[in-house]
């Protein structure tokens, strides 16, 4: 069993969700509300993240088969999308493919709704994360491998909870500059995943190196 493979999966997924980069948005949307209400929003957010991660991992391959999309086609398309996301992360911002100003305005008007959107999805879990999950799901051989991937998803969800639970002290400690630097470091990992997906998809599609 290659533990580095599963540790790498967990690391990639955490880098892509990038909860530290979501801190400013979380603090902005929960500003001025009671601690109990903020915790309630956080709980809903993390439960939604867990649900999306598990569904994407378990059903992703079946969805591709339903639409007659090959995994290698998905790898290439997903890799291009991940590169675009990484580019936005390098600029320490989230692109419009992740959330829109209209969604931000609606979320501020209905505070509890931000737990599901835009916080859980698409800010934390979006197309990029689903690409990683579906690709790894297809490569998993047997229920033991799938179980370890699910464990990785749960670890990421716990880390997301811890980071957002400690949003105030982390935000004060890092500041805007620290958050931006961390986001750019995460972007390097995301870009590396994207390049790997694209190269692997091209090799498999054209039978290179087989």
N, C-alpha and C. Protein backbone atom coordinates (compact mmCIF):
# COMPACT_ATOMS: atom_id res chain seq x y z
N UNK A 1 0.84 -1.20 0.00
CA UNK A 1 0.00 0.00 0.00
C UNK A 1 0.88 1.25 0.00
N UNK A 2 0.66 2.14 -0.94
CA UNK A 2 1.45 3.36 -1.06
C UNK A 2 0.78 4.48 -0.26
N UNK A 3 1.25 4.67 0.97
CA UNK A 3 0.66 5.70 1.83
C UNK A 3 0.92 7.09 1.28
N UNK A 4 2.04 7.27 0.57
CA UNK A 4 2.34 8.58 -0.01
C UNK A 4 1.26 9.02 -0.99
N UNK A 5 0.67 8.04 -1.68
CA UNK A 5 -0.40 8.32 -2.64
C UNK A 5 -1.60 8.95 -1.94
N UNK A 6 -1.99 8.37 -0.81
CA UNK A 6 -3.17 8.86 -0.10
C UNK A 6 -2.87 10.14 0.68
N UNK A 7 -1.63 10.25 1.17
CA UNK A 7 -1.23 11.51 1.82
C UNK A 7 -1.21 12.64 0.79
N UNK A 8 -0.71 12.31 -0.41
CA UNK A 8 -0.70 13.29 -1.50
C UNK A 8 -2.10 13.72 -1.87
N UNK A 9 -3.03 12.76 -1.96
CA UNK A 9 -4.43 13.08 -2.27
C UNK A 9 -5.01 14.05 -1.25
N UNK A 10 -4.78 13.76 0.04
CA UNK A 10 -5.31 14.61 1.11
C UNK A 10 -4.69 16.01 1.04
N UNK A 11 -3.39 16.06 0.78
CA UNK A 11 -2.70 17.35 0.67
C UNK A 11 -3.23 18.15 -0.51
N UNK A 12 -3.38 17.50 -1.68
CA UNK A 12 -3.90 18.17 -2.86
C UNK A 12 -5.29 18.76 -2.59
N UNK A 13 -6.13 17.93 -1.98
CA UNK A 13 -7.51 18.34 -1.75
C UNK A 13 -7.58 19.52 -0.77
N UNK A 14 -6.74 19.47 0.28
CA UNK A 14 -6.72 20.58 1.23
C UNK A 14 -6.21 21.85 0.58
N UNK A 15 -5.17 21.73 -0.26
CA UNK A 15 -4.63 22.90 -0.95
C UNK A 15 -5.68 23.53 -1.85
N UNK A 16 -6.47 22.69 -2.48
CA UNK A 16 -7.48 23.19 -3.41
C UNK A 16 -8.65 23.84 -2.69
N UNK A 17 -9.08 23.25 -1.58
CA UNK A 17 -10.17 23.87 -0.82
C UNK A 17 -9.71 25.18 -0.21
N UNK A 18 -8.44 25.23 0.21
CA UNK A 18 -7.80 26.46 0.69
C UNK A 18 -8.68 27.23 1.67
N UNK A 19 -9.00 26.66 2.83
CA UNK A 19 -9.86 27.36 3.79
C UNK A 19 -9.25 28.66 4.31
N UNK A 20 -7.91 28.74 4.32
CA UNK A 20 -7.27 29.99 4.77
C UNK A 20 -7.62 31.13 3.82
N UNK A 21 -7.69 30.82 2.53
CA UNK A 21 -8.07 31.85 1.56
C UNK A 21 -9.52 32.27 1.68
N UNK A 22 -10.35 31.42 2.29
CA UNK A 22 -11.78 31.71 2.46
C UNK A 22 -12.02 32.51 3.75
N UNK A 23 -11.01 32.59 4.62
CA UNK A 23 -11.17 33.28 5.91
C UNK A 23 -11.76 34.69 5.80
N UNK A 24 -11.23 35.54 4.91
CA UNK A 24 -11.78 36.90 4.84
C UNK A 24 -13.27 36.92 4.53
N UNK A 25 -13.71 36.03 3.63
CA UNK A 25 -15.12 35.98 3.28
C UNK A 25 -15.95 35.49 4.46
N UNK A 26 -15.45 34.46 5.15
CA UNK A 26 -16.17 33.92 6.31
C UNK A 26 -16.30 34.98 7.41
N UNK A 27 -15.22 35.70 7.68
CA UNK A 27 -15.26 36.75 8.70
C UNK A 27 -16.19 37.88 8.30
N UNK A 28 -16.20 38.20 7.01
CA UNK A 28 -17.06 39.28 6.53
C UNK A 28 -18.54 38.93 6.67
N UNK A 29 -18.90 37.71 6.28
CA UNK A 29 -20.31 37.30 6.32
C UNK A 29 -20.82 37.04 7.72
N UNK A 30 -19.92 36.71 8.66
CA UNK A 30 -20.36 36.41 10.02
C UNK A 30 -20.03 37.54 11.00
N UNK A 31 -19.67 38.67 10.44
CA UNK A 31 -19.32 39.81 11.30
C UNK A 31 -20.55 40.33 12.06
N UNK A 32 -20.38 40.56 13.34
CA UNK A 32 -21.44 41.16 14.15
C UNK A 32 -22.54 40.22 14.59
N UNK A 33 -22.37 38.91 14.38
CA UNK A 33 -23.40 37.98 14.82
C UNK A 33 -22.91 37.24 16.06
N UNK A 34 -23.84 36.63 16.77
CA UNK A 34 -23.49 35.93 18.01
C UNK A 34 -22.62 34.71 17.72
N UNK A 35 -21.80 34.35 18.72
CA UNK A 35 -20.88 33.22 18.57
C UNK A 35 -21.63 31.92 18.26
N UNK A 36 -22.78 31.73 18.90
CA UNK A 36 -23.56 30.51 18.67
C UNK A 36 -24.07 30.44 17.24
N UNK A 37 -24.46 31.59 16.70
CA UNK A 37 -24.97 31.61 15.32
C UNK A 37 -23.83 31.36 14.34
N UNK A 38 -22.66 31.93 14.62
CA UNK A 38 -21.51 31.70 13.74
C UNK A 38 -21.14 30.21 13.75
N UNK A 39 -21.17 29.59 14.94
CA UNK A 39 -20.86 28.16 15.04
C UNK A 39 -21.88 27.33 14.28
N UNK A 40 -23.14 27.73 14.33
CA UNK A 40 -24.19 27.03 13.58
C UNK A 40 -23.92 27.10 12.09
N UNK A 41 -23.54 28.28 11.60
CA UNK A 41 -23.21 28.44 10.19
C UNK A 41 -22.01 27.57 9.82
N UNK A 42 -21.00 27.55 10.70
CA UNK A 42 -19.82 26.73 10.44
C UNK A 42 -20.17 25.26 10.37
N UNK A 43 -21.01 24.78 11.28
CA UNK A 43 -21.39 23.37 11.29
C UNK A 43 -22.10 22.98 10.00
N UNK A 44 -23.02 23.84 9.55
CA UNK A 44 -23.74 23.55 8.30
C UNK A 44 -22.77 23.54 7.13
N UNK A 45 -21.83 24.48 7.14
CA UNK A 45 -20.84 24.56 6.06
C UNK A 45 -20.03 23.28 5.96
N UNK A 46 -19.52 22.81 7.09
CA UNK A 46 -18.65 21.62 7.09
C UNK A 46 -19.45 20.37 6.74
N UNK A 47 -20.67 20.24 7.23
CA UNK A 47 -21.51 19.09 6.88
C UNK A 47 -21.80 19.07 5.38
N UNK A 48 -22.03 20.25 4.81
CA UNK A 48 -22.25 20.34 3.36
C UNK A 48 -21.01 19.94 2.59
N UNK A 49 -19.85 20.38 3.07
CA UNK A 49 -18.57 20.01 2.45
C UNK A 49 -18.38 18.50 2.47
N UNK A 50 -18.66 17.86 3.62
CA UNK A 50 -18.53 16.41 3.73
C UNK A 50 -19.45 15.71 2.74
N UNK A 51 -20.69 16.17 2.66
CA UNK A 51 -21.67 15.55 1.76
C UNK A 51 -21.23 15.64 0.30
N UNK A 52 -20.77 16.82 -0.11
CA UNK A 52 -20.35 17.01 -1.51
C UNK A 52 -19.11 16.18 -1.81
N UNK A 53 -18.16 16.16 -0.87
CA UNK A 53 -16.94 15.37 -1.09
C UNK A 53 -17.27 13.89 -1.28
N UNK A 54 -18.10 13.36 -0.39
CA UNK A 54 -18.42 11.92 -0.44
C UNK A 54 -19.22 11.56 -1.68
N UNK A 55 -20.20 12.39 -2.02
CA UNK A 55 -21.02 12.11 -3.21
C UNK A 55 -20.17 12.17 -4.47
N UNK A 56 -19.30 13.19 -4.57
CA UNK A 56 -18.44 13.32 -5.76
C UNK A 56 -17.50 12.13 -5.88
N UNK A 57 -16.96 11.69 -4.75
CA UNK A 57 -16.02 10.57 -4.78
C UNK A 57 -16.70 9.26 -5.13
N UNK A 58 -17.88 9.02 -4.57
CA UNK A 58 -18.56 7.73 -4.76
C UNK A 58 -19.32 7.65 -6.07
N UNK A 59 -19.85 8.77 -6.55
CA UNK A 59 -20.71 8.72 -7.73
C UNK A 59 -20.10 9.39 -8.96
N UNK A 60 -18.94 10.01 -8.79
CA UNK A 60 -18.35 10.77 -9.89
C UNK A 60 -18.13 9.96 -11.15
N UNK A 61 -17.56 8.77 -11.02
CA UNK A 61 -17.29 7.92 -12.18
C UNK A 61 -18.58 7.51 -12.88
N UNK A 62 -19.62 7.23 -12.10
CA UNK A 62 -20.92 6.85 -12.69
C UNK A 62 -21.51 8.00 -13.49
N UNK A 63 -21.29 9.22 -13.00
CA UNK A 63 -21.79 10.40 -13.72
C UNK A 63 -21.08 10.53 -15.07
N UNK A 64 -19.75 10.30 -15.08
CA UNK A 64 -19.00 10.35 -16.33
C UNK A 64 -19.51 9.29 -17.31
N UNK A 65 -19.74 8.08 -16.80
CA UNK A 65 -20.24 7.01 -17.66
C UNK A 65 -21.61 7.34 -18.23
N UNK A 66 -22.45 7.99 -17.41
CA UNK A 66 -23.79 8.35 -17.87
C UNK A 66 -23.72 9.30 -19.06
N UNK A 67 -22.77 10.22 -19.04
CA UNK A 67 -22.63 11.19 -20.12
C UNK A 67 -21.62 10.73 -21.18
N UNK A 68 -21.15 9.49 -21.06
CA UNK A 68 -20.21 8.89 -22.03
C UNK A 68 -18.94 9.73 -22.17
N UNK A 69 -18.42 10.20 -21.04
CA UNK A 69 -17.18 10.98 -21.02
C UNK A 69 -16.07 10.09 -20.49
N UNK A 70 -14.98 9.98 -21.24
CA UNK A 70 -13.87 9.17 -20.76
C UNK A 70 -13.14 9.90 -19.63
N UNK A 71 -12.52 9.12 -18.76
CA UNK A 71 -11.79 9.71 -17.64
C UNK A 71 -10.63 10.57 -18.12
N UNK A 72 -9.97 10.14 -19.21
CA UNK A 72 -8.83 10.91 -19.71
C UNK A 72 -9.28 12.24 -20.32
N UNK A 73 -10.43 12.24 -20.98
CA UNK A 73 -11.00 13.52 -21.45
C UNK A 73 -11.27 14.43 -20.26
N UNK A 74 -11.79 13.83 -19.21
CA UNK A 74 -12.12 14.60 -18.01
C UNK A 74 -10.84 15.11 -17.34
N UNK A 75 -9.78 14.27 -17.36
CA UNK A 75 -8.51 14.70 -16.79
C UNK A 75 -7.98 15.95 -17.49
N UNK A 76 -8.03 15.94 -18.82
CA UNK A 76 -7.51 17.07 -19.58
C UNK A 76 -8.34 18.33 -19.33
N UNK A 77 -9.67 18.18 -19.42
CA UNK A 77 -10.54 19.34 -19.19
C UNK A 77 -10.42 19.84 -17.76
N UNK A 78 -10.39 18.89 -16.81
CA UNK A 78 -10.25 19.27 -15.41
C UNK A 78 -8.91 19.91 -15.12
N UNK A 79 -7.85 19.42 -15.77
CA UNK A 79 -6.53 20.00 -15.59
C UNK A 79 -6.48 21.44 -16.06
N UNK A 80 -7.12 21.72 -17.20
CA UNK A 80 -7.18 23.10 -17.70
C UNK A 80 -7.93 23.99 -16.73
N UNK A 81 -9.03 23.46 -16.18
CA UNK A 81 -9.80 24.23 -15.20
C UNK A 81 -8.97 24.50 -13.94
N UNK A 82 -8.24 23.49 -13.48
CA UNK A 82 -7.40 23.66 -12.30
C UNK A 82 -6.30 24.69 -12.54
N UNK A 83 -5.75 24.73 -13.75
CA UNK A 83 -4.75 25.75 -14.07
C UNK A 83 -5.34 27.14 -13.96
N UNK A 84 -6.58 27.29 -14.44
CA UNK A 84 -7.25 28.59 -14.36
C UNK A 84 -7.47 28.99 -12.90
N UNK A 85 -7.89 28.01 -12.09
CA UNK A 85 -8.10 28.28 -10.66
C UNK A 85 -6.77 28.64 -9.99
N UNK A 86 -5.71 27.91 -10.34
CA UNK A 86 -4.39 28.19 -9.77
C UNK A 86 -3.93 29.60 -10.14
N UNK A 87 -4.21 30.00 -11.38
CA UNK A 87 -3.83 31.35 -11.82
C UNK A 87 -4.52 32.40 -10.96
N UNK A 88 -5.79 32.21 -10.68
CA UNK A 88 -6.52 33.14 -9.82
C UNK A 88 -5.96 33.13 -8.40
N UNK A 89 -5.59 31.93 -7.92
CA UNK A 89 -5.02 31.83 -6.57
C UNK A 89 -3.66 32.54 -6.50
N UNK A 90 -2.87 32.47 -7.58
CA UNK A 90 -1.60 33.18 -7.60
C UNK A 90 -1.81 34.68 -7.43
N UNK A 91 -2.95 35.16 -7.91
CA UNK A 91 -3.28 36.57 -7.77
C UNK A 91 -4.00 36.84 -6.45
N UNK A 92 -4.05 35.80 -5.61
CA UNK A 92 -4.68 35.90 -4.29
C UNK A 92 -6.13 36.34 -4.39
N UNK A 93 -6.85 35.77 -5.35
CA UNK A 93 -8.27 36.07 -5.47
C UNK A 93 -8.97 34.86 -6.05
N UNK A 94 -10.28 34.84 -5.89
CA UNK A 94 -11.10 33.79 -6.48
C UNK A 94 -11.76 34.33 -7.73
N UNK A 95 -11.73 33.55 -8.81
CA UNK A 95 -12.31 34.03 -10.06
C UNK A 95 -13.82 33.99 -10.06
N UNK A 96 -14.42 34.57 -11.11
CA UNK A 96 -15.87 34.62 -11.21
C UNK A 96 -16.46 33.24 -11.45
N UNK A 97 -15.62 32.27 -11.82
CA UNK A 97 -16.13 30.91 -11.97
C UNK A 97 -16.44 30.31 -10.60
N UNK A 98 -15.96 30.94 -9.54
CA UNK A 98 -16.16 30.40 -8.20
C UNK A 98 -17.38 31.02 -7.53
N UNK A 99 -17.50 32.32 -7.55
CA UNK A 99 -18.69 32.95 -7.01
C UNK A 99 -18.87 34.31 -7.66
N UNK A 100 -20.09 34.79 -7.70
CA UNK A 100 -20.40 36.05 -8.37
C UNK A 100 -20.79 37.11 -7.36
N UNK A 101 -20.68 38.40 -7.74
CA UNK A 101 -21.12 39.47 -6.85
C UNK A 101 -22.60 39.34 -6.46
N UNK A 102 -23.41 38.83 -7.39
CA UNK A 102 -24.83 38.65 -7.08
C UNK A 102 -25.02 37.64 -5.96
N UNK A 103 -24.22 36.55 -5.98
CA UNK A 103 -24.30 35.56 -4.92
C UNK A 103 -23.84 36.16 -3.59
N UNK A 104 -22.80 37.00 -3.64
CA UNK A 104 -22.32 37.65 -2.42
C UNK A 104 -23.40 38.53 -1.81
N UNK A 105 -24.09 39.31 -2.66
CA UNK A 105 -25.13 40.22 -2.17
C UNK A 105 -26.28 39.44 -1.54
N UNK A 106 -26.69 38.36 -2.21
CA UNK A 106 -27.78 37.54 -1.69
C UNK A 106 -27.40 36.89 -0.37
N UNK A 107 -26.13 36.44 -0.28
CA UNK A 107 -25.67 35.78 0.95
C UNK A 107 -25.67 36.73 2.13
N UNK A 108 -25.32 37.97 1.91
CA UNK A 108 -25.30 38.94 3.00
C UNK A 108 -26.71 39.26 3.48
N UNK A 109 -27.68 39.16 2.59
CA UNK A 109 -29.07 39.42 2.97
C UNK A 109 -29.65 38.25 3.75
N UNK A 110 -29.22 37.05 3.44
CA UNK A 110 -29.71 35.87 4.14
C UNK A 110 -28.50 35.13 4.71
N UNK A 111 -28.13 35.47 5.95
CA UNK A 111 -26.87 35.00 6.52
C UNK A 111 -26.76 33.48 6.57
N UNK A 112 -27.83 32.81 6.95
CA UNK A 112 -27.73 31.35 7.12
C UNK A 112 -27.49 30.65 5.79
N UNK A 113 -27.97 31.24 4.71
CA UNK A 113 -27.80 30.60 3.40
C UNK A 113 -26.34 30.57 2.97
N UNK A 114 -25.48 31.42 3.56
CA UNK A 114 -24.08 31.42 3.16
C UNK A 114 -23.37 30.14 3.55
N UNK A 115 -23.93 29.40 4.50
CA UNK A 115 -23.30 28.15 4.93
C UNK A 115 -23.19 27.18 3.76
N UNK A 116 -24.23 27.14 2.94
CA UNK A 116 -24.25 26.23 1.79
C UNK A 116 -23.63 26.89 0.57
N UNK A 117 -24.10 28.11 0.28
CA UNK A 117 -23.54 28.85 -0.84
C UNK A 117 -23.44 30.32 -0.48
N UNK A 118 -22.30 30.96 -0.63
CA UNK A 118 -21.14 30.47 -1.39
C UNK A 118 -20.05 29.78 -0.58
N UNK A 119 -20.19 29.63 0.76
CA UNK A 119 -19.09 29.09 1.54
C UNK A 119 -18.76 27.64 1.20
N UNK A 120 -19.72 26.71 1.45
CA UNK A 120 -19.44 25.30 1.18
C UNK A 120 -19.20 25.06 -0.30
N UNK A 121 -20.12 25.57 -1.09
CA UNK A 121 -19.98 25.49 -2.54
C UNK A 121 -20.48 26.78 -3.16
N UNK A 122 -19.69 27.42 -4.01
CA UNK A 122 -18.48 26.87 -4.64
C UNK A 122 -17.16 27.35 -4.05
N UNK A 123 -17.18 28.10 -2.92
CA UNK A 123 -15.93 28.63 -2.39
C UNK A 123 -14.97 27.54 -1.92
N UNK A 124 -15.46 26.60 -1.10
CA UNK A 124 -14.61 25.52 -0.59
C UNK A 124 -14.58 24.33 -1.53
N UNK A 125 -15.74 23.91 -2.01
CA UNK A 125 -15.83 22.77 -2.92
C UNK A 125 -16.46 23.23 -4.22
N UNK A 126 -15.65 23.24 -5.27
CA UNK A 126 -16.13 23.66 -6.59
C UNK A 126 -15.72 22.65 -7.65
N UNK A 127 -15.73 23.06 -8.92
CA UNK A 127 -15.38 22.14 -10.02
C UNK A 127 -13.98 21.56 -9.89
N UNK A 128 -13.03 22.36 -9.39
CA UNK A 128 -11.66 21.86 -9.26
C UNK A 128 -11.56 20.69 -8.30
N UNK A 129 -12.18 20.84 -7.14
CA UNK A 129 -12.16 19.76 -6.15
C UNK A 129 -12.86 18.52 -6.68
N UNK A 130 -13.97 18.72 -7.39
CA UNK A 130 -14.70 17.58 -7.94
C UNK A 130 -13.87 16.86 -9.00
N UNK A 131 -13.07 17.61 -9.75
CA UNK A 131 -12.18 17.00 -10.74
C UNK A 131 -11.20 16.05 -10.07
N UNK A 132 -10.57 16.51 -8.98
CA UNK A 132 -9.62 15.67 -8.24
C UNK A 132 -10.31 14.43 -7.70
N UNK A 133 -11.50 14.61 -7.11
CA UNK A 133 -12.21 13.49 -6.51
C UNK A 133 -12.60 12.44 -7.54
N UNK A 134 -13.14 12.89 -8.67
CA UNK A 134 -13.60 11.94 -9.69
C UNK A 134 -12.41 11.19 -10.30
N UNK A 135 -11.31 11.90 -10.52
CA UNK A 135 -10.12 11.27 -11.10
C UNK A 135 -9.54 10.21 -10.16
N UNK A 136 -9.38 10.55 -8.89
CA UNK A 136 -8.86 9.59 -7.92
C UNK A 136 -9.84 8.44 -7.72
N UNK A 137 -11.12 8.73 -7.77
CA UNK A 137 -12.13 7.69 -7.61
C UNK A 137 -12.02 6.65 -8.72
N UNK A 138 -11.81 7.12 -9.94
CA UNK A 138 -11.67 6.21 -11.07
C UNK A 138 -10.44 5.32 -10.94
N UNK A 139 -9.37 5.87 -10.35
CA UNK A 139 -8.12 5.12 -10.22
C UNK A 139 -8.11 4.18 -9.01
N UNK A 140 -9.09 4.34 -8.12
CA UNK A 140 -9.13 3.51 -6.90
C UNK A 140 -9.46 2.06 -7.26
N UNK A 141 -8.69 1.14 -6.70
CA UNK A 141 -8.92 -0.29 -6.97
C UNK A 141 -9.45 -0.96 -5.72
N UNK A 142 -10.74 -1.15 -5.66
CA UNK A 142 -11.36 -1.85 -4.54
C UNK A 142 -11.85 -0.90 -3.46
N UNK A 143 -12.63 -1.49 -2.52
CA UNK A 143 -13.25 -0.71 -1.47
C UNK A 143 -12.25 -0.22 -0.43
N UNK A 144 -11.15 -0.94 -0.28
CA UNK A 144 -10.13 -0.50 0.68
C UNK A 144 -9.51 0.82 0.23
N UNK A 145 -9.19 0.90 -1.05
CA UNK A 145 -8.62 2.13 -1.60
C UNK A 145 -9.64 3.27 -1.52
N UNK A 146 -10.91 2.94 -1.83
CA UNK A 146 -11.95 3.96 -1.76
C UNK A 146 -12.15 4.43 -0.32
N UNK A 147 -12.04 3.50 0.63
CA UNK A 147 -12.19 3.86 2.04
C UNK A 147 -11.10 4.82 2.49
N UNK A 148 -9.87 4.62 2.00
CA UNK A 148 -8.77 5.51 2.36
C UNK A 148 -8.97 6.89 1.74
N UNK A 149 -9.54 6.92 0.54
CA UNK A 149 -9.84 8.22 -0.08
C UNK A 149 -10.93 8.95 0.70
N UNK A 150 -11.93 8.19 1.14
CA UNK A 150 -12.98 8.79 1.97
C UNK A 150 -12.40 9.32 3.28
N UNK A 151 -11.45 8.59 3.84
CA UNK A 151 -10.78 9.05 5.07
C UNK A 151 -10.06 10.37 4.80
N UNK A 152 -9.41 10.46 3.65
CA UNK A 152 -8.75 11.70 3.27
C UNK A 152 -9.72 12.86 3.18
N UNK A 153 -10.92 12.59 2.64
CA UNK A 153 -11.96 13.62 2.54
C UNK A 153 -12.38 14.09 3.93
N UNK A 154 -12.54 13.15 4.85
CA UNK A 154 -12.95 13.50 6.21
C UNK A 154 -11.87 14.30 6.92
N UNK A 155 -10.60 13.96 6.68
CA UNK A 155 -9.50 14.71 7.27
C UNK A 155 -9.51 16.15 6.77
N UNK A 156 -9.73 16.31 5.49
CA UNK A 156 -9.80 17.66 4.91
C UNK A 156 -10.96 18.45 5.52
N UNK A 157 -12.11 17.78 5.69
CA UNK A 157 -13.27 18.45 6.29
C UNK A 157 -12.97 18.89 7.72
N UNK A 158 -12.27 18.04 8.47
CA UNK A 158 -11.89 18.40 9.85
C UNK A 158 -10.95 19.60 9.85
N UNK A 159 -9.98 19.61 8.93
CA UNK A 159 -9.05 20.73 8.84
C UNK A 159 -9.77 22.02 8.46
N UNK A 160 -10.73 21.91 7.57
CA UNK A 160 -11.54 23.08 7.20
C UNK A 160 -12.28 23.62 8.43
N UNK A 161 -12.85 22.70 9.21
CA UNK A 161 -13.56 23.09 10.43
C UNK A 161 -12.63 23.81 11.40
N UNK A 162 -11.43 23.25 11.61
CA UNK A 162 -10.48 23.83 12.56
C UNK A 162 -10.06 25.23 12.11
N UNK A 163 -9.76 25.38 10.83
CA UNK A 163 -9.31 26.69 10.32
C UNK A 163 -10.40 27.74 10.47
N UNK A 164 -11.63 27.40 10.07
CA UNK A 164 -12.72 28.38 10.16
C UNK A 164 -13.16 28.60 11.60
N UNK A 165 -13.02 27.57 12.43
CA UNK A 165 -13.37 27.72 13.85
C UNK A 165 -12.44 28.72 14.52
N UNK A 166 -11.19 28.75 14.05
CA UNK A 166 -10.19 29.66 14.60
C UNK A 166 -9.98 30.86 13.67
N UNK A 167 -11.03 31.25 12.97
CA UNK A 167 -10.92 32.31 11.97
C UNK A 167 -10.38 33.61 12.54
N UNK A 168 -10.89 34.03 13.69
CA UNK A 168 -10.46 35.31 14.27
C UNK A 168 -8.97 35.33 14.61
N UNK A 169 -8.46 34.37 15.42
CA UNK A 169 -7.02 34.41 15.74
C UNK A 169 -6.12 34.21 14.53
N UNK A 170 -6.52 33.32 13.61
CA UNK A 170 -5.71 33.09 12.41
C UNK A 170 -5.68 34.35 11.54
N UNK A 171 -6.85 34.98 11.39
CA UNK A 171 -6.94 36.21 10.60
C UNK A 171 -6.07 37.31 11.17
N UNK A 172 -6.10 37.45 12.50
CA UNK A 172 -5.28 38.49 13.15
C UNK A 172 -3.79 38.17 13.01
N UNK A 173 -3.45 36.90 13.15
CA UNK A 173 -2.04 36.50 13.11
C UNK A 173 -1.45 36.65 11.72
N UNK A 174 -2.17 36.18 10.71
CA UNK A 174 -1.65 36.21 9.35
C UNK A 174 -1.80 37.57 8.70
N UNK A 175 -2.96 38.19 8.92
CA UNK A 175 -3.23 39.45 8.24
C UNK A 175 -3.50 39.20 6.76
N UNK A 176 -3.81 40.25 6.04
CA UNK A 176 -4.10 40.10 4.61
C UNK A 176 -2.90 39.57 3.84
N UNK A 177 -1.71 40.09 4.16
CA UNK A 177 -0.50 39.65 3.45
C UNK A 177 -0.22 38.17 3.70
N UNK A 178 -0.33 37.74 4.94
CA UNK A 178 -0.08 36.34 5.27
C UNK A 178 -1.06 35.40 4.57
N UNK A 179 -2.33 35.79 4.53
CA UNK A 179 -3.34 34.97 3.85
C UNK A 179 -3.04 34.88 2.36
N UNK A 180 -2.64 36.00 1.76
CA UNK A 180 -2.33 36.01 0.33
C UNK A 180 -1.12 35.15 0.01
N UNK A 181 -0.08 35.22 0.86
CA UNK A 181 1.12 34.39 0.65
C UNK A 181 0.77 32.91 0.75
N UNK A 182 -0.03 32.55 1.76
CA UNK A 182 -0.45 31.15 1.93
C UNK A 182 -1.24 30.68 0.72
N UNK A 183 -2.12 31.53 0.22
CA UNK A 183 -2.93 31.18 -0.94
C UNK A 183 -2.05 30.92 -2.16
N UNK A 184 -1.01 31.72 -2.33
CA UNK A 184 -0.11 31.54 -3.48
C UNK A 184 0.69 30.24 -3.35
N UNK A 185 1.07 29.89 -2.13
CA UNK A 185 1.77 28.61 -1.93
C UNK A 185 0.85 27.44 -2.28
N UNK A 186 -0.42 27.53 -1.87
CA UNK A 186 -1.39 26.50 -2.22
C UNK A 186 -1.57 26.43 -3.74
N UNK A 187 -1.47 27.58 -4.40
CA UNK A 187 -1.64 27.63 -5.86
C UNK A 187 -0.58 26.82 -6.57
N UNK A 188 0.64 26.78 -6.04
CA UNK A 188 1.70 25.98 -6.64
C UNK A 188 1.34 24.50 -6.66
N UNK A 189 0.75 24.03 -5.56
CA UNK A 189 0.33 22.63 -5.48
C UNK A 189 -0.79 22.36 -6.48
N UNK A 190 -1.76 23.28 -6.54
CA UNK A 190 -2.88 23.12 -7.47
C UNK A 190 -2.39 23.10 -8.91
N UNK A 191 -1.44 24.00 -9.25
CA UNK A 191 -0.91 24.04 -10.60
C UNK A 191 -0.19 22.74 -10.95
N UNK A 192 0.54 22.18 -9.98
CA UNK A 192 1.25 20.92 -10.21
C UNK A 192 0.25 19.78 -10.50
N UNK A 193 -0.85 19.77 -9.74
CA UNK A 193 -1.89 18.76 -9.98
C UNK A 193 -2.44 18.91 -11.39
N UNK A 194 -2.69 20.16 -11.78
CA UNK A 194 -3.27 20.44 -13.10
C UNK A 194 -2.38 19.93 -14.21
N UNK A 195 -1.08 20.21 -14.12
CA UNK A 195 -0.13 19.77 -15.15
C UNK A 195 -0.08 18.24 -15.21
N UNK A 196 -0.08 17.60 -14.04
CA UNK A 196 -0.06 16.14 -14.00
C UNK A 196 -1.31 15.55 -14.66
N UNK A 197 -2.47 16.14 -14.37
CA UNK A 197 -3.72 15.65 -14.98
C UNK A 197 -3.66 15.77 -16.50
N UNK A 198 -3.22 16.93 -16.99
CA UNK A 198 -3.19 17.17 -18.44
C UNK A 198 -2.24 16.21 -19.13
N UNK A 199 -1.02 16.08 -18.59
CA UNK A 199 -0.02 15.20 -19.20
C UNK A 199 -0.49 13.75 -19.18
N UNK A 200 -1.04 13.30 -18.04
CA UNK A 200 -1.53 11.92 -17.94
C UNK A 200 -2.67 11.68 -18.92
N UNK A 201 -3.59 12.62 -19.03
CA UNK A 201 -4.72 12.48 -19.94
C UNK A 201 -4.26 12.39 -21.39
N UNK A 202 -3.29 13.22 -21.77
CA UNK A 202 -2.77 13.20 -23.14
C UNK A 202 -2.04 11.90 -23.43
N UNK A 203 -1.20 11.47 -22.47
CA UNK A 203 -0.46 10.21 -22.65
C UNK A 203 -1.42 9.04 -22.85
N UNK A 204 -2.45 8.95 -21.99
CA UNK A 204 -3.39 7.84 -22.10
C UNK A 204 -4.22 7.90 -23.36
N UNK A 205 -4.59 9.12 -23.77
CA UNK A 205 -5.43 9.27 -24.96
C UNK A 205 -4.70 8.86 -26.24
N UNK A 206 -3.39 9.16 -26.29
CA UNK A 206 -2.63 8.87 -27.50
C UNK A 206 -1.71 7.66 -27.34
N UNK A 207 -1.82 6.98 -26.19
CA UNK A 207 -1.02 5.77 -25.98
C UNK A 207 0.47 6.03 -25.89
N UNK A 208 0.83 7.22 -25.40
CA UNK A 208 2.24 7.57 -25.29
C UNK A 208 2.83 6.91 -24.04
N UNK A 209 3.95 6.26 -24.22
CA UNK A 209 4.65 5.66 -23.08
C UNK A 209 4.00 4.38 -22.58
N UNK A 210 3.04 3.84 -23.33
CA UNK A 210 2.38 2.59 -22.92
C UNK A 210 3.05 1.42 -23.61
